[in-house]
Amino acid sequence: MEIPVNNKLCLTIEEAAAYSQIGEGRLRRYINAHKYADFILWVGSHARIKRKEFEKFVSDIHDI
């Protein structure tokens, strides 16, 4: 079953990069430097992006 990105609770880094139009590499570097940001959920060693928190983060920042 395919769930649209805007209906998902959590996104992969690839989905979050495409959704936000922030480059995947830049997003990965940010996540590695800020491992405990509010929008990151760690599932084992894999980062998942909490969509609603990520949307707020993107709307509040001026550069990344």
N, C-alpha and C. Protein backbone atom coordinates (compact mmCIF):
# COMPACT_ATOMS: atom_id res chain seq x y z
N MET A 1 0.84 -1.17 0.00
CA MET A 1 0.00 0.00 0.00
C MET A 1 0.90 1.24 0.00
N GLU A 2 0.71 2.12 -0.93
CA GLU A 2 1.49 3.35 -1.05
C GLU A 2 0.76 4.49 -0.33
N ILE A 3 1.44 5.07 0.64
CA ILE A 3 0.87 6.18 1.40
C ILE A 3 1.52 7.47 0.90
N PRO A 4 0.74 8.48 0.54
CA PRO A 4 1.33 9.75 0.11
C PRO A 4 2.19 10.36 1.22
N VAL A 5 3.28 11.00 0.83
CA VAL A 5 4.22 11.58 1.80
C VAL A 5 3.51 12.51 2.77
N ASN A 6 2.58 13.32 2.29
CA ASN A 6 1.92 14.27 3.18
C ASN A 6 0.96 13.60 4.17
N ASN A 7 0.77 12.29 4.06
CA ASN A 7 -0.05 11.55 5.03
C ASN A 7 0.77 10.67 5.96
N LYS A 8 2.08 10.62 5.74
CA LYS A 8 2.95 9.78 6.56
C LYS A 8 3.32 10.51 7.85
N LEU A 9 3.43 9.76 8.91
CA LEU A 9 3.86 10.29 10.19
C LEU A 9 5.37 10.54 10.18
N CYS A 10 6.12 9.58 9.65
CA CYS A 10 7.58 9.69 9.57
C CYS A 10 8.03 9.46 8.14
N LEU A 11 9.14 10.13 7.78
CA LEU A 11 9.68 10.04 6.43
C LEU A 11 11.10 9.49 6.48
N THR A 12 11.53 8.86 5.41
CA THR A 12 12.93 8.53 5.27
C THR A 12 13.66 9.82 4.93
N ILE A 13 14.97 9.80 5.01
CA ILE A 13 15.75 10.98 4.64
C ILE A 13 15.52 11.32 3.17
N GLU A 14 15.44 10.31 2.33
CA GLU A 14 15.21 10.53 0.90
C GLU A 14 13.86 11.21 0.67
N GLU A 15 12.82 10.74 1.36
CA GLU A 15 11.49 11.35 1.23
C GLU A 15 11.49 12.78 1.75
N ALA A 16 12.13 13.00 2.90
CA ALA A 16 12.17 14.34 3.49
C ALA A 16 12.93 15.31 2.57
N ALA A 17 13.99 14.85 1.94
CA ALA A 17 14.76 15.68 1.02
C ALA A 17 13.90 16.07 -0.19
N ALA A 18 13.22 15.12 -0.75
CA ALA A 18 12.36 15.40 -1.91
C ALA A 18 11.19 16.29 -1.51
N TYR A 19 10.60 16.03 -0.37
CA TYR A 19 9.44 16.78 0.12
C TYR A 19 9.78 18.24 0.37
N SER A 20 10.98 18.48 0.93
CA SER A 20 11.37 19.83 1.32
C SER A 20 12.22 20.55 0.27
N GLN A 21 12.69 19.81 -0.71
CA GLN A 21 13.62 20.32 -1.71
C GLN A 21 14.93 20.77 -1.09
N ILE A 22 15.30 20.15 0.03
CA ILE A 22 16.62 20.31 0.63
C ILE A 22 17.41 19.09 0.17
N GLY A 23 18.62 19.31 -0.29
CA GLY A 23 19.42 18.20 -0.79
C GLY A 23 19.61 17.10 0.24
N GLU A 24 19.61 15.88 -0.24
CA GLU A 24 19.75 14.73 0.65
C GLU A 24 21.07 14.79 1.42
N GLY A 25 22.15 15.15 0.75
CA GLY A 25 23.46 15.24 1.41
C GLY A 25 23.47 16.29 2.50
N ARG A 26 22.89 17.45 2.21
CA ARG A 26 22.83 18.53 3.19
C ARG A 26 21.97 18.10 4.38
N LEU A 27 20.87 17.42 4.13
CA LEU A 27 20.00 16.94 5.20
C LEU A 27 20.73 15.90 6.06
N ARG A 28 21.44 14.99 5.42
CA ARG A 28 22.21 13.98 6.17
C ARG A 28 23.28 14.63 7.04
N ARG A 29 23.99 15.63 6.50
CA ARG A 29 25.01 16.33 7.29
C ARG A 29 24.38 17.03 8.49
N TYR A 30 23.23 17.66 8.29
CA TYR A 30 22.54 18.32 9.40
C TYR A 30 22.15 17.30 10.46
N ILE A 31 21.59 16.20 10.05
CA ILE A 31 21.17 15.15 10.99
C ILE A 31 22.36 14.61 11.76
N ASN A 32 23.47 14.37 11.09
CA ASN A 32 24.66 13.86 11.77
C ASN A 32 25.22 14.87 12.77
N ALA A 33 25.08 16.15 12.49
CA ALA A 33 25.59 17.19 13.39
C ALA A 33 24.60 17.52 14.51
N HIS A 34 23.34 17.21 14.32
CA HIS A 34 22.29 17.54 15.29
C HIS A 34 21.44 16.30 15.57
N LYS A 35 22.07 15.26 16.08
CA LYS A 35 21.43 13.95 16.23
C LYS A 35 20.17 13.96 17.09
N TYR A 36 20.00 14.98 17.92
CA TYR A 36 18.85 14.99 18.81
C TYR A 36 17.89 16.14 18.51
N ALA A 37 17.88 16.58 17.26
CA ALA A 37 16.91 17.60 16.84
C ALA A 37 15.50 17.05 17.04
N ASP A 38 14.57 17.94 17.31
CA ASP A 38 13.18 17.52 17.61
C ASP A 38 12.53 16.72 16.50
N PHE A 39 12.94 16.92 15.25
CA PHE A 39 12.27 16.25 14.13
C PHE A 39 12.88 14.90 13.78
N ILE A 40 13.90 14.46 14.53
CA ILE A 40 14.55 13.19 14.21
C ILE A 40 14.08 12.10 15.17
N LEU A 41 13.72 10.97 14.62
CA LEU A 41 13.38 9.77 15.38
C LEU A 41 14.39 8.71 14.98
N TRP A 42 15.13 8.18 15.94
CA TRP A 42 16.09 7.13 15.64
C TRP A 42 15.43 5.77 15.81
N VAL A 43 15.48 4.97 14.77
CA VAL A 43 14.98 3.60 14.79
C VAL A 43 16.22 2.73 14.61
N GLY A 44 16.76 2.28 15.74
CA GLY A 44 18.08 1.64 15.69
C GLY A 44 19.09 2.69 15.24
N SER A 45 19.82 2.39 14.18
CA SER A 45 20.81 3.34 13.67
C SER A 45 20.27 4.15 12.49
N HIS A 46 18.98 4.02 12.20
CA HIS A 46 18.36 4.71 11.07
C HIS A 46 17.56 5.92 11.53
N ALA A 47 17.83 7.06 10.91
CA ALA A 47 17.08 8.27 11.23
C ALA A 47 15.80 8.31 10.43
N ARG A 48 14.72 8.61 11.09
CA ARG A 48 13.45 8.88 10.43
C ARG A 48 13.07 10.31 10.79
N ILE A 49 12.37 10.96 9.89
CA ILE A 49 12.03 12.36 10.04
C ILE A 49 10.56 12.46 10.42
N LYS A 50 10.28 13.07 11.56
CA LYS A 50 8.91 13.30 11.99
C LYS A 50 8.38 14.45 11.13
N ARG A 51 7.44 14.13 10.26
CA ARG A 51 7.00 15.07 9.22
C ARG A 51 6.51 16.40 9.78
N LYS A 52 5.60 16.39 10.73
CA LYS A 52 5.04 17.65 11.23
C LYS A 52 6.11 18.51 11.91
N GLU A 53 6.99 17.89 12.70
CA GLU A 53 8.06 18.64 13.35
C GLU A 53 9.04 19.16 12.30
N PHE A 54 9.29 18.38 11.26
CA PHE A 54 10.19 18.81 10.18
C PHE A 54 9.59 19.98 9.41
N GLU A 55 8.29 19.95 9.16
CA GLU A 55 7.64 21.07 8.48
C GLU A 55 7.79 22.34 9.30
N LYS A 56 7.62 22.25 10.61
CA LYS A 56 7.79 23.43 11.48
C LYS A 56 9.24 23.90 11.45
N PHE A 57 10.17 22.97 11.54
CA PHE A 57 11.59 23.31 11.49
C PHE A 57 11.91 24.07 10.21
N VAL A 58 11.48 23.56 9.07
CA VAL A 58 11.77 24.19 7.78
C VAL A 58 11.12 25.57 7.70
N SER A 59 9.91 25.70 8.22
CA SER A 59 9.24 27.01 8.15
C SER A 59 9.89 28.04 9.07
N ASP A 60 10.61 27.60 10.10
CA ASP A 60 11.21 28.52 11.07
C ASP A 60 12.66 28.91 10.75
N ILE A 61 13.35 28.15 9.89
CA ILE A 61 14.77 28.44 9.63
C ILE A 61 14.93 29.41 8.47
N HIS A 62 16.10 30.05 8.43
CA HIS A 62 16.41 30.96 7.35
C HIS A 62 17.50 30.42 6.43
N ASP A 63 18.31 29.53 6.95
CA ASP A 63 19.31 28.85 6.11
C ASP A 63 19.70 27.53 6.78
N ILE A 64 20.25 26.66 5.97
CA ILE A 64 20.67 25.35 6.46
C ILE A 64 21.94 24.95 5.74
